[in-house]
Amino acid sequence: MGAALGPAGRLGGGAQMIGVGHDNPEVTPAEHLRYDACVTVPPDFAPFGELGVQIIAGGPYARHTHEGPYDGLAAKYQRLLGEWLPRSGRELRFEPCYEIYVNTPGNTAPADLRTEIYLPLV
């Protein structure tokens, strides 16, 4: 994605990297997991090649910042969905959860990675 957008001059300095997971890896076999690697683009962006445009739904979200390596994200989701959500009295909305990668492993030590997790709420 970045390899296509960067050279084409379509990846601005303020772009955010976003991951949208559509499946639960504890239920869905690995070969069937769906994940969209996304980057924010201006409103006038025209998709090209295999790239498309996806709009993340508005509405209320619970947000939590995960600090540390990406391999800790699954455990964080388990705690958020298995512990926090039932105690919160809130319900998940039928939209995918998503993550904003505040920094990247290309220039950040694993212990210093920051990932914002967004849970869509009713």
PDB file of N, CA and C in Angstrom:
ATOM      1  N   MET A   1       0.832  -1.177   0.000  1.00  0.00           N
ATOM      2  CA  MET A   1       0.000   0.000   0.000  1.00  0.00           C
ATOM      3  C   MET A   1       0.880   1.245   0.000  1.00  0.00           C
ATOM      4  N   GLY A   2       1.755   1.374   1.007  1.00  0.00           N
ATOM      5  CA  GLY A   2       2.645   2.522   1.050  1.00  0.00           C
ATOM      6  C   GLY A   2       3.559   2.563  -0.161  1.00  0.00           C
ATOM      7  N   ALA A   3       3.946   1.382  -0.636  1.00  0.00           N
ATOM      8  CA  ALA A   3       4.817   1.313  -1.812  1.00  0.00           C
ATOM      9  C   ALA A   3       4.104   1.842  -3.047  1.00  0.00           C
ATOM     10  N   ALA A   4       2.788   1.721  -3.094  1.00  0.00           N
ATOM     11  CA  ALA A   4       2.033   2.241  -4.241  1.00  0.00           C
ATOM     12  C   ALA A   4       1.719   3.715  -4.074  1.00  0.00           C
ATOM     13  N   LEU A   5       1.376   4.126  -2.849  1.00  0.00           N
ATOM     14  CA  LEU A   5       0.962   5.513  -2.628  1.00  0.00           C
ATOM     15  C   LEU A   5       2.132   6.486  -2.569  1.00  0.00           C
ATOM     16  N   GLY A   6       3.224   6.086  -1.936  1.00  0.00           N
ATOM     17  CA  GLY A   6       4.379   6.973  -1.773  1.00  0.00           C
ATOM     18  C   GLY A   6       4.946   7.463  -3.091  1.00  0.00           C
ATOM     19  N   PRO A   7       5.381   6.552  -3.963  1.00  0.00           N
ATOM     20  CA  PRO A   7       5.946   6.985  -5.247  1.00  0.00           C
ATOM     21  C   PRO A   7       4.947   7.757  -6.113  1.00  0.00           C
ATOM     22  N   ALA A   8       3.667   7.500  -5.924  1.00  0.00           N
ATOM     23  CA  ALA A   8       2.649   8.204  -6.712  1.00  0.00           C
ATOM     24  C   ALA A   8       2.360   9.584  -6.131  1.00  0.00           C
ATOM     25  N   GLY A   9       3.028   9.939  -5.020  1.00  0.00           N
ATOM     26  CA  GLY A   9       2.821  11.244  -4.406  1.00  0.00           C
ATOM     27  C   GLY A   9       1.482  11.373  -3.711  1.00  0.00           C
ATOM     28  N   ARG A  10       0.912  10.254  -3.286  1.00  0.00           N
ATOM     29  CA  ARG A  10      -0.428  10.274  -2.694  1.00  0.00           C
ATOM     30  C   ARG A  10      -0.419   9.931  -1.212  1.00  0.00           C
ATOM     31  N   LEU A  11       0.741   9.931  -0.598  1.00  0.00           N
ATOM     32  CA  LEU A  11       0.846   9.626   0.827  1.00  0.00           C
ATOM     33  C   LEU A  11       1.394  10.863   1.523  1.00  0.00           C
ATOM     34  N   GLY A  12       0.486  11.651   2.113  1.00  0.00           N
ATOM     35  CA  GLY A  12       0.881  12.900   2.747  1.00  0.00           C
ATOM     36  C   GLY A  12       1.568  12.687   4.083  1.00  0.00           C
ATOM     37  N   GLY A  13       2.217  13.726   4.585  1.00  0.00           N
ATOM     38  CA  GLY A  13       2.954  13.649   5.832  1.00  0.00           C
ATOM     39  C   GLY A  13       2.096  13.391   7.050  1.00  0.00           C
ATOM     40  N   GLY A  14       0.822  13.762   7.013  1.00  0.00           N
ATOM     41  CA  GLY A  14      -0.052  13.565   8.164  1.00  0.00           C
ATOM     42  C   GLY A  14      -0.885  12.296   8.083  1.00  0.00           C
ATOM     43  N   ALA A  15      -0.553  11.409   7.152  1.00  0.00           N
ATOM     44  CA  ALA A  15      -1.348  10.200   6.962  1.00  0.00           C
ATOM     45  C   ALA A  15      -1.256   9.299   8.193  1.00  0.00           C
ATOM     46  N   GLN A  16      -2.387   8.704   8.559  1.00  0.00           N
ATOM     47  CA  GLN A  16      -2.424   7.747   9.659  1.00  0.00           C
ATOM     48  C   GLN A  16      -2.541   6.348   9.090  1.00  0.00           C
ATOM     49  N   MET A  17      -1.823   5.412   9.708  1.00  0.00           N
ATOM     50  CA  MET A  17      -1.899   4.011   9.325  1.00  0.00           C
ATOM     51  C   MET A  17      -2.966   3.354  10.191  1.00  0.00           C
ATOM     52  N   ILE A  18      -3.900   2.661   9.551  1.00  0.00           N
ATOM     53  CA  ILE A  18      -5.042   2.066  10.238  1.00  0.00           C
ATOM     54  C   ILE A  18      -5.166   0.609   9.820  1.00  0.00           C
ATOM     55  N   GLY A  19      -5.501  -0.243  10.773  1.00  0.00           N
ATOM     56  CA  GLY A  19      -5.772  -1.651  10.484  1.00  0.00           C
ATOM     57  C   GLY A  19      -7.206  -1.977  10.862  1.00  0.00           C
ATOM     58  N   VAL A  20      -7.935  -2.607   9.951  1.00  0.00           N
ATOM     59  CA  VAL A  20      -9.322  -2.986  10.198  1.00  0.00           C
ATOM     60  C   VAL A  20      -9.404  -4.511  10.136  1.00  0.00           C
ATOM     61  N   GLY A  21      -9.688  -5.115  11.281  1.00  0.00           N
ATOM     62  CA  GLY A  21      -9.826  -6.561  11.342  1.00  0.00           C
ATOM     63  C   GLY A  21     -11.290  -6.944  11.261  1.00  0.00           C
ATOM     64  N   HIS A  22     -11.606  -7.875  10.379  1.00  0.00           N
ATOM     65  CA  HIS A  22     -13.001  -8.268  10.172  1.00  0.00           C
ATOM     66  C   HIS A  22     -13.359  -9.588  10.851  1.00  0.00           C
ATOM     67  N   ASP A  23     -12.376 -10.295  11.389  1.00  0.00           N
ATOM     68  CA  ASP A  23     -12.635 -11.619  11.947  1.00  0.00           C
ATOM     69  C   ASP A  23     -11.946 -11.789  13.293  1.00  0.00           C
ATOM     70  N   ASN A  24     -12.461 -12.714  14.073  1.00  0.00           N
ATOM     71  CA  ASN A  24     -11.875 -13.063  15.363  1.00  0.00           C
ATOM     72  C   ASN A  24     -10.887 -14.199  15.135  1.00  0.00           C
ATOM     73  N   PRO A  25      -9.591 -13.968  15.367  1.00  0.00           N
ATOM     74  CA  PRO A  25      -8.597 -15.017  15.120  1.00  0.00           C
ATOM     75  C   PRO A  25      -8.737 -16.230  16.047  1.00  0.00           C
ATOM     76  N   GLU A  26      -9.531 -16.105  17.107  1.00  0.00           N
ATOM     77  CA  GLU A  26      -9.763 -17.257  17.978  1.00  0.00           C
ATOM     78  C   GLU A  26     -10.846 -18.173  17.412  1.00  0.00           C
ATOM     79  N   VAL A  27     -11.613 -17.670  16.445  1.00  0.00           N
ATOM     80  CA  VAL A  27     -12.720 -18.436  15.869  1.00  0.00           C
ATOM     81  C   VAL A  27     -12.458 -18.771  14.404  1.00  0.00           C
ATOM     82  N   THR A  28     -11.889 -17.821  13.677  1.00  0.00           N
ATOM     83  CA  THR A  28     -11.685 -17.963  12.238  1.00  0.00           C
ATOM     84  C   THR A  28     -10.314 -18.565  11.952  1.00  0.00           C
ATOM     85  N   PRO A  29     -10.258 -19.608  11.119  1.00  0.00           N
ATOM     86  CA  PRO A  29      -8.953 -20.174  10.750  1.00  0.00           C
ATOM     87  C   PRO A  29      -8.063 -19.104  10.100  1.00  0.00           C
ATOM     88  N   ALA A  30      -6.777 -19.174  10.365  1.00  0.00           N
ATOM     89  CA  ALA A  30      -5.826 -18.159   9.892  1.00  0.00           C
ATOM     90  C   ALA A  30      -5.933 -17.900   8.397  1.00  0.00           C
ATOM     91  N   GLU A  31      -6.147 -18.948   7.608  1.00  0.00           N
ATOM     92  CA  GLU A  31      -6.199 -18.759   6.153  1.00  0.00           C
ATOM     93  C   GLU A  31      -7.454 -18.019   5.693  1.00  0.00           C
ATOM     94  N   HIS A  32      -8.418 -17.823   6.604  1.00  0.00           N
ATOM     95  CA  HIS A  32      -9.654 -17.120   6.245  1.00  0.00           C
ATOM     96  C   HIS A  32      -9.791 -15.757   6.929  1.00  0.00           C
ATOM     97  N   LEU A  33      -8.784 -15.356   7.689  1.00  0.00           N
ATOM     98  CA  LEU A  33      -8.846 -14.048   8.350  1.00  0.00           C
ATOM     99  C   LEU A  33      -8.832 -12.931   7.314  1.00  0.00           C
ATOM    100  N   ARG A  34      -9.661 -11.916   7.555  1.00  0.00           N
ATOM    101  CA  ARG A  34      -9.711 -10.748   6.677  1.00  0.00           C
ATOM    102  C   ARG A  34      -9.216  -9.535   7.455  1.00  0.00           C
ATOM    103  N   TYR A  35      -8.312  -8.785   6.828  1.00  0.00           N
ATOM    104  CA  TYR A  35      -7.703  -7.612   7.463  1.00  0.00           C
ATOM    105  C   TYR A  35      -7.442  -6.594   6.366  1.00  0.00           C
ATOM    106  N   ASP A  36      -7.850  -5.354   6.610  1.00  0.00           N
ATOM    107  CA  ASP A  36      -7.584  -4.283   5.661  1.00  0.00           C
ATOM    108  C   ASP A  36      -6.496  -3.374   6.219  1.00  0.00           C
ATOM    109  N   ALA A  37      -5.391  -3.262   5.499  1.00  0.00           N
ATOM    110  CA  ALA A  37      -4.331  -2.317   5.839  1.00  0.00           C
ATOM    111  C   ALA A  37      -4.712  -1.002   5.164  1.00  0.00           C
ATOM    112  N   CYS A  38      -4.887   0.049   5.953  1.00  0.00           N
ATOM    113  CA  CYS A  38      -5.412   1.313   5.437  1.00  0.00           C
ATOM    114  C   CYS A  38      -4.485   2.474   5.775  1.00  0.00           C
ATOM    115  N   VAL A  39      -4.660   3.536   5.048  1.00  0.00           N
ATOM    116  CA  VAL A  39      -3.985   4.799   5.324  1.00  0.00           C
ATOM    117  C   VAL A  39      -4.986   5.904   5.011  1.00  0.00           C
ATOM    118  N   THR A  40      -4.996   6.941   5.841  1.00  0.00           N
ATOM    119  CA  THR A  40      -5.918   8.040   5.583  1.00  0.00           C
ATOM    120  C   THR A  40      -5.488   8.787   4.316  1.00  0.00           C
ATOM    121  N   VAL A  41      -6.491   9.222   3.577  1.00  0.00           N
ATOM    122  CA  VAL A  41      -6.259   9.939   2.321  1.00  0.00           C
ATOM    123  C   VAL A  41      -7.186  11.145   2.284  1.00  0.00           C
ATOM    124  N   PRO A  42      -6.886  12.129   1.464  1.00  0.00           N
ATOM    125  CA  PRO A  42      -7.776  13.294   1.351  1.00  0.00           C
ATOM    126  C   PRO A  42      -9.101  12.915   0.701  1.00  0.00           C
ATOM    127  N   PRO A  43     -10.137  13.725   0.911  1.00  0.00           N
ATOM    128  CA  PRO A  43     -11.472  13.417   0.366  1.00  0.00           C
ATOM    129  C   PRO A  43     -11.504  13.262  -1.152  1.00  0.00           C
ATOM    130  N   ASP A  44     -10.595  13.907  -1.844  1.00  0.00           N
ATOM    131  CA  ASP A  44     -10.612  13.831  -3.310  1.00  0.00           C
ATOM    132  C   ASP A  44      -9.772  12.681  -3.859  1.00  0.00           C
ATOM    133  N   PHE A  45      -9.320  11.776  -2.989  1.00  0.00           N
ATOM    134  CA  PHE A  45      -8.493  10.648  -3.420  1.00  0.00           C
ATOM    135  C   PHE A  45      -9.265   9.759  -4.392  1.00  0.00           C
ATOM    136  N   ALA A  46      -8.634   9.410  -5.496  1.00  0.00           N
ATOM    137  CA  ALA A  46      -9.226   8.496  -6.475  1.00  0.00           C
ATOM    138  C   ALA A  46      -8.463   7.178  -6.419  1.00  0.00           C
ATOM    139  N   PRO A  47      -9.142   6.083  -6.079  1.00  0.00           N
ATOM    140  CA  PRO A  47      -8.453   4.794  -6.009  1.00  0.00           C
ATOM    141  C   PRO A  47      -7.878   4.394  -7.364  1.00  0.00           C
ATOM    142  N   PHE A  48      -6.806   3.607  -7.323  1.00  0.00           N
ATOM    143  CA  PHE A  48      -6.188   3.134  -8.557  1.00  0.00           C
ATOM    144  C   PHE A  48      -5.601   1.756  -8.306  1.00  0.00           C
ATOM    145  N   GLY A  49      -5.391   1.024  -9.355  1.00  0.00           N
ATOM    146  CA  GLY A  49      -4.836  -0.328  -9.230  1.00  0.00           C
ATOM    147  C   GLY A  49      -5.721  -1.182  -8.334  1.00  0.00           C
ATOM    148  N   GLU A  50      -5.108  -1.875  -7.389  1.00  0.00           N
ATOM    149  CA  GLU A  50      -5.850  -2.729  -6.471  1.00  0.00           C
ATOM    150  C   GLU A  50      -6.289  -1.988  -5.211  1.00  0.00           C
ATOM    151  N   LEU A  51      -6.022  -0.688  -5.141  1.00  0.00           N
ATOM    152  CA  LEU A  51      -6.391   0.099  -3.964  1.00  0.00           C
ATOM    153  C   LEU A  51      -7.852   0.519  -4.039  1.00  0.00           C
ATOM    154  N   GLY A  52      -8.485   0.575  -2.886  1.00  0.00           N
ATOM    155  CA  GLY A  52      -9.867   1.015  -2.809  1.00  0.00           C
ATOM    156  C   GLY A  52     -10.013   2.044  -1.707  1.00  0.00           C
ATOM    157  N   VAL A  53     -11.218   2.495  -1.488  1.00  0.00           N
ATOM    158  CA  VAL A  53     -11.510   3.462  -0.444  1.00  0.00           C
ATOM    159  C   VAL A  53     -12.492   2.821   0.525  1.00  0.00           C
ATOM    160  N   GLN A  54     -12.235   3.002   1.795  1.00  0.00           N
ATOM    161  CA  GLN A  54     -13.099   2.487   2.852  1.00  0.00           C
ATOM    162  C   GLN A  54     -13.366   3.638   3.817  1.00  0.00           C
ATOM    163  N   ILE A  55     -14.609   3.788   4.206  1.00  0.00           N
ATOM    164  CA  ILE A  55     -14.963   4.828   5.170  1.00  0.00           C
ATOM    165  C   ILE A  55     -15.294   4.150   6.490  1.00  0.00           C
ATOM    166  N   ILE A  56     -14.624   4.572   7.545  1.00  0.00           N
ATOM    167  CA  ILE A  56     -14.889   4.025   8.872  1.00  0.00           C
ATOM    168  C   ILE A  56     -16.104   4.751   9.434  1.00  0.00           C
ATOM    169  N   ALA A  57     -17.070   3.971   9.881  1.00  0.00           N
ATOM    170  CA  ALA A  57     -18.322   4.532  10.384  1.00  0.00           C
ATOM    171  C   ALA A  57     -18.090   5.433  11.591  1.00  0.00           C
ATOM    172  N   GLY A  58     -18.877   6.483  11.684  1.00  0.00           N
ATOM    173  CA  GLY A  58     -18.848   7.335  12.860  1.00  0.00           C
ATOM    174  C   GLY A  58     -19.619   6.687  13.993  1.00  0.00           C
ATOM    175  N   GLY A  59     -19.821   7.411  15.050  1.00  0.00           N
ATOM    176  CA  GLY A  59     -20.554   6.893  16.197  1.00  0.00           C
ATOM    177  C   GLY A  59     -19.638   6.717  17.380  1.00  0.00           C
ATOM    178  N   PRO A  60     -20.186   6.229  18.471  1.00  0.00           N
ATOM    179  CA  PRO A  60     -19.360   6.077  19.672  1.00  0.00           C
ATOM    180  C   PRO A  60     -18.401   4.891  19.572  1.00  0.00           C
ATOM    181  N   TYR A  61     -17.218   5.096  20.096  1.00  0.00           N
ATOM    182  CA  TYR A  61     -16.193   4.059  20.163  1.00  0.00           C
ATOM    183  C   TYR A  61     -15.557   4.105  21.548  1.00  0.00           C
ATOM    184  N   ALA A  62     -15.181   2.942  22.038  1.00  0.00           N
ATOM    185  CA  ALA A  62     -14.303   2.883  23.206  1.00  0.00           C
ATOM    186  C   ALA A  62     -12.891   2.871  22.643  1.00  0.00           C
ATOM    187  N   ARG A  63     -12.005   3.653  23.233  1.00  0.00           N
ATOM    188  CA  ARG A  63     -10.625   3.716  22.752  1.00  0.00           C
ATOM    189  C   ARG A  63      -9.689   3.339  23.873  1.00  0.00           C
ATOM    190  N   HIS A  64      -8.717   2.506  23.527  1.00  0.00           N
ATOM    191  CA  HIS A  64      -7.689   2.109  24.484  1.00  0.00           C
ATOM    192  C   HIS A  64      -6.349   2.159  23.762  1.00  0.00           C
ATOM    193  N   THR A  65      -5.317   2.665  24.423  1.00  0.00           N
ATOM    194  CA  THR A  65      -3.988   2.690  23.821  1.00  0.00           C
ATOM    195  C   THR A  65      -3.184   1.506  24.333  1.00  0.00           C
ATOM    196  N   HIS A  66      -2.756   0.678  23.402  1.00  0.00           N
ATOM    197  CA  HIS A  66      -1.875  -0.459  23.709  1.00  0.00           C
ATOM    198  C   HIS A  66      -0.442   0.046  23.598  1.00  0.00           C
ATOM    199  N   GLU A  67       0.347  -0.234  24.595  1.00  0.00           N
ATOM    200  CA  GLU A  67       1.753   0.152  24.582  1.00  0.00           C
ATOM    201  C   GLU A  67       2.597  -1.112  24.538  1.00  0.00           C
ATOM    202  N   GLY A  68       3.446  -1.205  23.516  1.00  0.00           N
ATOM    203  CA  GLY A  68       4.323  -2.364  23.395  1.00  0.00           C
ATOM    204  C   GLY A  68       4.177  -3.061  22.060  1.00  0.00           C
ATOM    205  N   PRO A  69       4.813  -4.228  21.943  1.00  0.00           N
ATOM    206  CA  PRO A  69       4.826  -4.951  20.669  1.00  0.00           C
ATOM    207  C   PRO A  69       3.436  -5.358  20.202  1.00  0.00           C
ATOM    208  N   TYR A  70       3.305  -5.512  18.894  1.00  0.00           N
ATOM    209  CA  TYR A  70       2.025  -5.900  18.310  1.00  0.00           C
ATOM    210  C   TYR A  70       1.574  -7.276  18.774  1.00  0.00           C
ATOM    211  N   ASP A  71       2.510  -8.150  19.130  1.00  0.00           N
ATOM    212  CA  ASP A  71       2.090  -9.494  19.538  1.00  0.00           C
ATOM    213  C   ASP A  71       1.318  -9.487  20.858  1.00  0.00           C
ATOM    214  N   GLY A  72       1.230  -8.357  21.523  1.00  0.00           N
ATOM    215  CA  GLY A  72       0.416  -8.233  22.728  1.00  0.00           C
ATOM    216  C   GLY A  72      -1.008  -7.757  22.450  1.00  0.00           C
ATOM    217  N   LEU A  73      -1.313  -7.449  21.202  1.00  0.00           N
ATOM    218  CA  LEU A  73      -2.642  -6.927  20.867  1.00  0.00           C
ATOM    219  C   LEU A  73      -3.748  -7.949  21.106  1.00  0.00           C
ATOM    220  N   ALA A  74      -3.520  -9.213  20.795  1.00  0.00           N
ATOM    221  CA  ALA A  74      -4.571 -10.236  20.970  1.00  0.00           C
ATOM    222  C   ALA A  74      -4.988 -10.330  22.433  1.00  0.00           C
ATOM    223  N   ALA A  75      -4.021 -10.327  23.333  1.00  0.00           N
ATOM    224  CA  ALA A  75      -4.341 -10.390  24.766  1.00  0.00           C
ATOM    225  C   ALA A  75      -5.083  -9.133  25.208  1.00  0.00           C
ATOM    226  N   LYS A  76      -4.735  -7.991  24.637  1.00  0.00           N
ATOM    227  CA  LYS A  76      -5.423  -6.750  24.978  1.00  0.00           C
ATOM    228  C   LYS A  76      -6.877  -6.810  24.528  1.00  0.00           C
ATOM    229  N   TYR A  77      -7.119  -7.296  23.318  1.00  0.00           N
ATOM    230  CA  TYR A  77      -8.491  -7.469  22.838  1.00  0.00           C
ATOM    231  C   TYR A  77      -9.265  -8.434  23.743  1.00  0.00           C
ATOM    232  N   GLN A  78      -8.627  -9.517  24.155  1.00  0.00           N
ATOM    233  CA  GLN A  78      -9.301 -10.478  25.044  1.00  0.00           C
ATOM    234  C   GLN A  78      -9.744  -9.805  26.331  1.00  0.00           C
ATOM    235  N   ARG A  79      -8.882  -8.972  26.906  1.00  0.00           N
ATOM    236  CA  ARG A  79      -9.250  -8.277  28.143  1.00  0.00           C
ATOM    237  C   ARG A  79     -10.341  -7.240  27.900  1.00  0.00           C
ATOM    238  N   LEU A  80     -10.207  -6.478  26.823  1.00  0.00           N
ATOM    239  CA  LEU A  80     -11.214  -5.452  26.537  1.00  0.00           C
ATOM    240  C   LEU A  80     -12.585  -6.063  26.270  1.00  0.00           C
ATOM    241  N   LEU A  81     -12.625  -7.085  25.428  1.00  0.00           N
ATOM    242  CA  LEU A  81     -13.907  -7.682  25.047  1.00  0.00           C
ATOM    243  C   LEU A  81     -14.434  -8.659  26.095  1.00  0.00           C
ATOM    244  N   GLY A  82     -13.538  -9.330  26.800  1.00  0.00           N
ATOM    245  CA  GLY A  82     -13.968 -10.333  27.766  1.00  0.00           C
ATOM    246  C   GLY A  82     -14.169  -9.812  29.173  1.00  0.00           C
ATOM    247  N   GLU A  83     -13.509  -8.706  29.512  1.00  0.00           N
ATOM    248  CA  GLU A  83     -13.617  -8.160  30.865  1.00  0.00           C
ATOM    249  C   GLU A  83     -14.231  -6.761  30.883  1.00  0.00           C
ATOM    250  N   TRP A  84     -13.594  -5.831  30.159  1.00  0.00           N
ATOM    251  CA  TRP A  84     -14.067  -4.441  30.213  1.00  0.00           C
ATOM    252  C   TRP A  84     -15.486  -4.298  29.660  1.00  0.00           C
ATOM    253  N   LEU A  85     -15.722  -4.844  28.472  1.00  0.00           N
ATOM    254  CA  LEU A  85     -17.019  -4.652  27.817  1.00  0.00           C
ATOM    255  C   LEU A  85     -18.181  -5.158  28.677  1.00  0.00           C
ATOM    256  N   PRO A  86     -18.144  -6.383  29.204  1.00  0.00           N
ATOM    257  CA  PRO A  86     -19.272  -6.832  30.035  1.00  0.00           C
ATOM    258  C   PRO A  86     -19.493  -5.966  31.281  1.00  0.00           C
ATOM    259  N   ARG A  87     -18.411  -5.485  31.881  1.00  0.00           N
ATOM    260  CA  ARG A  87     -18.536  -4.638  33.082  1.00  0.00           C
ATOM    261  C   ARG A  87     -18.996  -3.229  32.749  1.00  0.00           C
ATOM    262  N   SER A  88     -18.762  -2.786  31.516  1.00  0.00           N
ATOM    263  CA  SER A  88     -19.077  -1.408  31.146  1.00  0.00           C
ATOM    264  C   SER A  88     -20.578  -1.166  30.976  1.00  0.00           C
ATOM    265  N   GLY A  89     -21.326  -2.228  30.731  1.00  0.00           N
ATOM    266  CA  GLY A  89     -22.753  -2.049  30.444  1.00  0.00           C
ATOM    267  C   GLY A  89     -23.013  -1.631  29.011  1.00  0.00           C
ATOM    268  N   ARG A  90     -21.977  -1.547  28.210  1.00  0.00           N
ATOM    269  CA  ARG A  90     -22.112  -1.158  26.802  1.00  0.00           C
ATOM    270  C   ARG A  90     -22.183  -2.402  25.926  1.00  0.00           C
ATOM    271  N   GLU A  91     -22.580  -2.214  24.675  1.00  0.00           N
ATOM    272  CA  GLU A  91     -22.648  -3.303  23.711  1.00  0.00           C
ATOM    273  C   GLU A  91     -21.864  -2.929  22.467  1.00  0.00           C
ATOM    274  N   LEU A  92     -21.284  -3.948  21.830  1.00  0.00           N
ATOM    275  CA  LEU A  92     -20.609  -3.719  20.564  1.00  0.00           C
ATOM    276  C   LEU A  92     -21.633  -3.481  19.466  1.00  0.00           C
ATOM    277  N   ARG A  93     -21.293  -2.575  18.575  1.00  0.00           N
ATOM    278  CA  ARG A  93     -22.079  -2.317  17.367  1.00  0.00           C
ATOM    279  C   ARG A  93     -21.561  -3.255  16.281  1.00  0.00           C
ATOM    280  N   PHE A  94     -22.389  -3.583  15.316  1.00  0.00           N
ATOM    281  CA  PHE A  94     -22.001  -4.491  14.241  1.00  0.00           C
ATOM    282  C   PHE A  94     -21.163  -3.738  13.203  1.00  0.00           C
ATOM    283  N   GLU A  95     -19.972  -3.400  13.591  1.00  0.00           N
ATOM    284  CA  GLU A  95     -18.955  -2.758  12.751  1.00  0.00           C
ATOM    285  C   GLU A  95     -17.627  -3.375  13.183  1.00  0.00           C
ATOM    286  N   PRO A  96     -16.630  -3.384  12.326  1.00  0.00           N
ATOM    287  CA  PRO A  96     -15.350  -3.949  12.761  1.00  0.00           C
ATOM    288  C   PRO A  96     -14.613  -3.027  13.735  1.00  0.00           C
ATOM    289  N   CYS A  97     -13.852  -3.636  14.626  1.00  0.00           N
ATOM    290  CA  CYS A  97     -12.913  -2.885  15.455  1.00  0.00           C
ATOM    291  C   CYS A  97     -11.791  -2.420  14.528  1.00  0.00           C
ATOM    292  N   TYR A  98     -11.080  -1.391  14.943  1.00  0.00           N
ATOM    293  CA  TYR A  98      -9.933  -0.984  14.140  1.00  0.00           C
ATOM    294  C   TYR A  98      -8.835  -0.461  15.046  1.00  0.00           C
ATOM    295  N   GLU A  99      -7.650  -0.322  14.458  1.00  0.00           N
ATOM    296  CA  GLU A  99      -6.467   0.142  15.181  1.00  0.00           C
ATOM    297  C   GLU A  99      -5.822   1.280  14.410  1.00  0.00           C
ATOM    298  N   ILE A 100      -5.337   2.262  15.138  1.00  0.00           N
ATOM    299  CA  ILE A 100      -4.504   3.307  14.547  1.00  0.00           C
ATOM    300  C   ILE A 100      -3.101   3.095  15.095  1.00  0.00           C
ATOM    301  N   TYR A 101      -2.151   2.962  14.181  1.00  0.00           N
ATOM    302  CA  TYR A 101      -0.761   2.745  14.567  1.00  0.00           C
ATOM    303  C   TYR A 101      -0.094   4.110  14.705  1.00  0.00           C
ATOM    304  N   VAL A 102       0.084   4.531  15.947  1.00  0.00           N
ATOM    305  CA  VAL A 102       0.600   5.864  16.251  1.00  0.00           C
ATOM    306  C   VAL A 102       2.038   6.014  15.777  1.00  0.00           C
ATOM    307  N   ASN A 103       2.816   4.951  15.898  1.00  0.00           N
ATOM    308  CA  ASN A 103       4.185   4.931  15.390  1.00  0.00           C
ATOM    309  C   ASN A 103       4.404   3.569  14.733  1.00  0.00           C
ATOM    310  N   THR A 104       5.563   3.343  14.166  1.00  0.00           N
ATOM    311  CA  THR A 104       5.781   2.115  13.404  1.00  0.00           C
ATOM    312  C   THR A 104       7.088   1.438  13.799  1.00  0.00           C
ATOM    313  N   PRO A 105       7.172   0.114  13.564  1.00  0.00           N
ATOM    314  CA  PRO A 105       8.405  -0.593  13.909  1.00  0.00           C
ATOM    315  C   PRO A 105       9.608  -0.141  13.090  1.00  0.00           C
ATOM    316  N   GLY A 106       9.374   0.544  11.986  1.00  0.00           N
ATOM    317  CA  GLY A 106      10.484   1.017  11.160  1.00  0.00           C
ATOM    318  C   GLY A 106      11.365   2.031  11.863  1.00  0.00           C
ATOM    319  N   ASN A 107      10.798   2.776  12.819  1.00  0.00           N
ATOM    320  CA  ASN A 107      11.594   3.787  13.515  1.00  0.00           C
ATOM    321  C   ASN A 107      11.332   3.808  15.021  1.00  0.00           C
ATOM    322  N   THR A 108      10.731   2.719  15.551  1.00  0.00           N
ATOM    323  CA  THR A 108      10.376   2.675  16.967  1.00  0.00           C
ATOM    324  C   THR A 108      10.711   1.304  17.545  1.00  0.00           C
ATOM    325  N   ALA A 109      11.307   1.287  18.706  1.00  0.00           N
ATOM    326  CA  ALA A 109      11.597   0.017  19.384  1.00  0.00           C
ATOM    327  C   ALA A 109      10.276  -0.663  19.755  1.00  0.00           C
ATOM    328  N   PRO A 110      10.217  -2.000  19.724  1.00  0.00           N
ATOM    329  CA  PRO A 110       8.968  -2.703  20.038  1.00  0.00           C
ATOM    330  C   PRO A 110       8.320  -2.262  21.357  1.00  0.00           C
ATOM    331  N   ALA A 111       9.105  -2.049  22.384  1.00  0.00           N
ATOM    332  CA  ALA A 111       8.539  -1.648  23.682  1.00  0.00           C
ATOM    333  C   ALA A 111       7.898  -0.274  23.639  1.00  0.00           C
ATOM    334  N   ASP A 112       8.268   0.543  22.663  1.00  0.00           N
ATOM    335  CA  ASP A 112       7.753   1.905  22.569  1.00  0.00           C
ATOM    336  C   ASP A 112       6.624   2.072  21.551  1.00  0.00           C
ATOM    337  N   LEU A 113       6.196   0.988  20.925  1.00  0.00           N
ATOM    338  CA  LEU A 113       5.103   1.082  19.955  1.00  0.00           C
ATOM    339  C   LEU A 113       3.816   1.483  20.659  1.00  0.00           C
ATOM    340  N   ARG A 114       3.013   2.300  20.002  1.00  0.00           N
ATOM    341  CA  ARG A 114       1.713   2.739  20.520  1.00  0.00           C
ATOM    342  C   ARG A 114       0.654   2.439  19.465  1.00  0.00           C
ATOM    343  N   THR A 115      -0.397   1.722  19.892  1.00  0.00           N
ATOM    344  CA  THR A 115      -1.482   1.357  18.996  1.00  0.00           C
ATOM    345  C   THR A 115      -2.793   1.706  19.676  1.00  0.00           C
ATOM    346  N   GLU A 116      -3.591   2.532  19.040  1.00  0.00           N
ATOM    347  CA  GLU A 116      -4.918   2.875  19.572  1.00  0.00           C
ATOM    348  C   GLU A 116      -5.917   1.849  19.056  1.00  0.00           C
ATOM    349  N   ILE A 117      -6.649   1.221  19.981  1.00  0.00           N
ATOM    350  CA  ILE A 117      -7.659   0.238  19.636  1.00  0.00           C
ATOM    351  C   ILE A 117      -9.023   0.898  19.767  1.00  0.00           C
ATOM    352  N   TYR A 118      -9.863   0.748  18.755  1.00  0.00           N
ATOM    353  CA  TYR A 118     -11.204   1.326  18.760  1.00  0.00           C
ATOM    354  C   TYR A 118     -12.249   0.223  18.676  1.00  0.00           C
ATOM    355  N   LEU A 119     -13.142   0.187  19.663  1.00  0.00           N
ATOM    356  CA  LEU A 119     -14.244  -0.761  19.705  1.00  0.00           C
ATOM    357  C   LEU A 119     -15.532  -0.008  19.404  1.00  0.00           C
ATOM    358  N   PRO A 120     -16.275  -0.357  18.348  1.00  0.00           N
ATOM    359  CA  PRO A 120     -17.524   0.350  18.022  1.00  0.00           C
ATOM    360  C   PRO A 120     -18.633  -0.013  19.016  1.00  0.00           C
ATOM    361  N   LEU A 121     -19.271   0.996  19.569  1.00  0.00           N
ATOM    362  CA  LEU A 121     -20.300   0.782  20.576  1.00  0.00           C
ATOM    363  C   LEU A 121     -21.671   1.213  20.086  1.00  0.00           C
ATOM    364  N   VAL A 122     -22.720   0.557  20.637  1.00  0.00           N
ATOM    365  CA  VAL A 122     -24.098   0.929  20.336  1.00  0.00           C
ATOM    366  C   VAL A 122     -24.359   2.272  20.996  1.00  0.00           C
TER     367      VAL A 122
END
